[in-house]
Amino acid sequence: MNNNYINEITNRRSIYNLGKNVSLTQDELVDIIEEAIRQSPSAFNSQSVRAIILFDKAHDEFWEGTLDILHGEVPNETAFENTKNKVEGSFKSGVGTVLFFTDEKIIDKLKNDFPIFSDNIDMFGEHALGIANANVWTALASAGVGASLQHYNPIVDKFVQDHFDVPANWTLKSQMPFGSIEAPADGKDFMTDEDRFRVIK
């Protein structure tokens, strides 16, 4: 298949060996991330996705704060050392992190404005978030920047809200550390098409 978009999403992988050897400037990275979110669709064009982009000291503080919290959550020191190695070697070692949020005021307004869909509005918000996650991830990959998608929420929610002065109506949903690709992703296996797809005519 010769399809540029398929080629782009095929190139997007979870990169766990991140570094700081990125040729793009921080402003260029911000432009890519913001435009990818801006162009991502959402139900009723609600634009419910919010993002905070961390670099330098703020990036380090997020992962150091996450480790401090995890130290109190893991069962023993051996488990914590494994967690610490992963956080420091795969996430903090990158050049930045995108924190993704959902604006709950937007979600609540949609429930009020479209009561017939109210039971599914939260799901619609998750759809918007997932699309934005994938678009940012793919846009970074297209620029030669590696990333992965992490979910240390909700255990870091209060820390993030307090430390970065996040509005109370923003709910943390995911974290995307990004940086130079210091080692490629492992191979990827796929389940059989017969188990996954149906074509009905």
Protein backbone atom coordinates (compact mmCIF):
# COMPACT_ATOMS: atom_id res chain seq x y z
CA MET A 1 0.00 0.00 0.00
CA ASN A 2 1.34 3.42 -0.96
CA ASN A 3 -0.37 5.84 1.41
CA ASN A 4 1.54 8.68 3.05
CA TYR A 5 -0.68 8.77 6.12
CA ILE A 6 -0.40 5.02 6.68
CA ASN A 7 3.37 5.39 6.36
CA GLU A 8 3.34 8.11 9.03
CA ILE A 9 1.31 6.14 11.57
CA THR A 10 3.40 3.04 10.88
CA ASN A 11 6.50 5.09 11.73
CA ARG A 12 5.00 6.11 15.08
CA ARG A 13 6.22 3.75 17.78
CA SER A 14 6.67 3.69 21.54
CA ILE A 15 10.24 4.88 22.03
CA TYR A 16 11.63 4.06 25.48
CA ASN A 17 15.23 5.07 24.85
CA LEU A 18 14.93 8.83 24.73
CA GLY A 19 17.66 11.43 24.73
CA LYS A 20 18.11 15.17 24.51
CA ASN A 21 19.78 15.19 21.07
CA VAL A 22 16.90 16.86 19.27
CA SER A 23 17.77 19.24 16.45
CA LEU A 24 14.46 21.11 16.63
CA THR A 25 14.20 24.12 18.92
CA GLN A 26 11.75 24.18 21.80
CA ASP A 27 9.62 26.68 19.87
CA GLU A 28 9.51 24.34 16.88
CA LEU A 29 8.51 21.42 19.09
CA VAL A 30 5.80 23.52 20.72
CA ASP A 31 4.48 24.52 17.27
CA ILE A 32 4.22 20.85 16.23
CA ILE A 33 2.48 19.79 19.44
CA GLU A 34 0.06 22.70 19.54
CA GLU A 35 -0.90 22.44 15.87
CA ALA A 36 -1.43 18.68 16.14
CA ILE A 37 -3.85 19.25 19.03
CA ARG A 38 -5.48 22.22 17.31
CA GLN A 39 -6.21 20.14 14.20
CA SER A 40 -7.55 17.15 16.14
CA PRO A 41 -11.32 16.65 15.90
CA SER A 42 -13.65 16.55 18.88
CA ALA A 43 -17.36 15.94 19.35
CA PHE A 44 -19.38 19.04 18.43
CA ASN A 45 -16.01 20.76 17.86
CA SER A 46 -15.91 21.10 21.65
CA GLN A 47 -12.09 21.31 21.76
CA SER A 48 -11.99 19.77 25.22
CA VAL A 49 -8.32 18.73 25.14
CA ARG A 50 -5.82 20.85 27.08
CA ALA A 51 -2.04 20.45 27.26
CA ILE A 52 0.92 21.67 29.27
CA ILE A 53 4.30 21.27 27.57
CA LEU A 54 7.22 20.87 29.95
CA PHE A 55 10.89 21.50 29.16
CA ASP A 56 14.10 21.82 31.16
CA LYS A 57 13.55 22.29 34.90
CA ALA A 58 9.78 21.76 34.67
CA HIS A 59 10.25 18.48 32.76
CA ASP A 60 12.72 17.24 35.39
CA GLU A 61 10.51 18.35 38.27
CA PHE A 62 7.54 16.44 36.89
CA TRP A 63 9.43 13.15 36.70
CA GLU A 64 11.22 13.70 40.03
CA GLY A 65 7.88 14.45 41.68
CA THR A 66 6.37 11.38 40.06
CA LEU A 67 9.20 9.25 41.44
CA ASP A 68 8.72 10.69 44.93
CA ILE A 69 5.07 9.69 44.82
CA LEU A 70 5.78 6.25 43.37
CA HIS A 71 8.30 5.59 46.15
CA GLY A 72 5.39 5.52 48.56
CA GLU A 73 3.24 3.35 46.31
CA VAL A 74 5.46 0.45 45.23
CA PRO A 75 5.68 -2.59 47.54
CA ASN A 76 9.44 -2.58 48.25
CA GLU A 77 12.79 -0.99 47.44
CA THR A 78 13.58 -3.51 44.71
CA ALA A 79 10.37 -2.63 42.92
CA PHE A 80 11.12 1.07 43.38
CA GLU A 81 14.59 0.70 41.88
CA ASN A 82 13.06 -0.93 38.81
CA THR A 83 10.54 1.89 38.57
CA LYS A 84 13.23 4.52 39.09
CA ASN A 85 15.39 3.04 36.34
CA LYS A 86 12.45 3.09 33.96
CA VAL A 87 11.42 6.65 34.77
CA GLU A 88 14.95 8.05 34.65
CA GLY A 89 16.11 5.98 31.68
CA SER A 90 13.00 6.18 29.51
CA PHE A 91 11.08 9.33 30.40
CA LYS A 92 13.12 11.91 32.29
CA SER A 93 16.01 11.31 29.86
CA GLY A 94 13.96 12.93 27.09
CA VAL A 95 13.88 16.61 26.20
CA GLY A 96 10.30 17.32 27.27
CA THR A 97 6.90 16.01 28.33
CA VAL A 98 3.38 16.82 27.21
CA LEU A 99 0.75 16.61 29.94
CA PHE A 100 -2.69 16.01 28.40
CA PHE A 101 -5.89 17.05 30.15
CA THR A 102 -9.63 17.12 29.58
CA ASP A 103 -11.43 20.35 30.42
CA GLU A 104 -14.36 19.16 32.53
CA LYS A 105 -16.21 22.47 32.09
CA ILE A 106 -16.47 21.69 28.39
CA ILE A 107 -17.67 18.16 29.11
CA ASP A 108 -20.29 19.41 31.58
CA LYS A 109 -21.51 22.02 29.10
CA LEU A 110 -21.91 19.38 26.40
CA LYS A 111 -23.97 17.24 28.80
CA ASN A 112 -26.20 20.23 29.45
CA ASP A 113 -26.44 21.30 25.79
CA PHE A 114 -26.98 17.80 24.39
CA PRO A 115 -28.89 15.86 27.08
CA ILE A 116 -29.84 13.12 24.63
CA PHE A 117 -26.14 12.19 24.46
CA SER A 118 -25.28 12.95 28.09
CA ASP A 119 -24.52 9.34 29.03
CA ASN A 120 -21.86 9.19 26.30
CA ILE A 121 -20.31 12.67 26.54
CA ASP A 122 -17.48 11.44 28.78
CA MET A 123 -16.67 8.83 26.16
CA PHE A 124 -16.72 11.51 23.45
CA GLY A 125 -14.16 13.44 25.51
CA GLU A 126 -11.97 10.33 25.67
CA HIS A 127 -12.24 10.01 21.90
CA ALA A 128 -11.03 13.60 21.48
CA LEU A 129 -8.17 12.96 23.87
CA GLY A 130 -7.13 9.74 22.15
CA ILE A 131 -7.10 11.38 18.74
CA ALA A 132 -5.01 14.28 20.07
CA ASN A 133 -2.61 11.81 21.72
CA ALA A 134 -2.15 9.92 18.47
CA ASN A 135 -1.82 13.05 16.35
CA VAL A 136 0.85 14.60 18.58
CA TRP A 137 2.70 11.30 18.76
CA THR A 138 2.62 10.84 14.97
CA ALA A 139 3.55 14.46 14.28
CA LEU A 140 6.58 14.16 16.56
CA ALA A 141 7.57 10.88 14.90
CA SER A 142 7.27 12.55 11.49
CA ALA A 143 9.75 15.16 12.72
CA GLY A 144 12.18 12.45 13.86
CA VAL A 145 11.29 12.81 17.54
CA GLY A 146 10.53 9.75 19.66
CA ALA A 147 7.80 9.55 22.30
CA SER A 148 5.69 7.19 24.37
CA LEU A 149 2.35 7.53 26.11
CA GLN A 150 2.24 7.11 29.89
CA HIS A 151 -0.53 7.12 32.50
CA TYR A 152 0.70 8.02 35.98
CA ASN A 153 -2.61 9.66 36.71
CA PRO A 154 -4.44 9.68 39.04
CA ILE A 155 -1.65 9.20 41.59
CA VAL A 156 0.19 12.33 40.39
CA ASP A 157 -2.91 14.48 39.85
CA LYS A 158 -2.67 16.59 43.00
CA PHE A 159 1.07 17.09 42.62
CA VAL A 160 0.63 18.25 39.02
CA GLN A 161 -2.26 20.52 39.88
CA ASP A 162 -0.41 22.17 42.76
CA HIS A 163 3.07 22.29 41.23
CA PHE A 164 2.08 23.62 37.82
CA ASP A 165 -0.93 25.71 38.92
CA VAL A 166 -3.36 23.68 36.80
CA PRO A 167 -6.99 24.85 36.71
CA ALA A 168 -9.23 22.70 38.90
CA ASN A 169 -11.47 21.84 35.94
CA TRP A 170 -8.58 20.25 33.98
CA THR A 171 -8.34 16.49 34.60
CA LEU A 172 -4.97 14.90 33.88
CA LYS A 173 -5.35 12.01 31.43
CA SER A 174 -1.92 11.08 30.05
CA GLN A 175 1.71 12.06 29.83
CA MET A 176 3.93 11.94 26.73
CA PRO A 177 7.70 12.16 27.27
CA PHE A 178 9.54 12.93 24.05
CA GLY A 179 13.11 13.31 22.84
CA SER A 180 15.73 11.99 20.47
CA ILE A 181 15.50 8.35 19.45
CA GLU A 182 18.52 6.74 21.07
CA ALA A 183 17.46 3.19 20.15
CA PRO A 184 14.65 1.97 17.88
CA ALA A 185 11.49 0.33 19.15
CA ASP A 186 11.26 -3.44 19.33
CA GLY A 187 9.38 -5.38 16.69
CA LYS A 188 5.60 -5.26 16.74
CA ASP A 189 3.31 -8.29 16.45
CA PHE A 190 -0.21 -8.17 15.10
CA MET A 191 -3.15 -10.47 15.73
CA THR A 192 -4.68 -12.16 12.70
CA ASP A 193 -6.95 -10.13 10.44
CA GLU A 194 -9.57 -12.87 10.74
CA ASP A 195 -9.84 -12.24 14.49
CA ARG A 196 -9.85 -8.49 14.14
CA PHE A 197 -11.82 -7.43 11.08
CA ARG A 198 -15.06 -8.17 9.28
CA VAL A 199 -15.99 -6.87 5.87
CA ILE A 200 -19.68 -7.06 5.07
CA LYS A 201 -21.08 -6.34 1.61
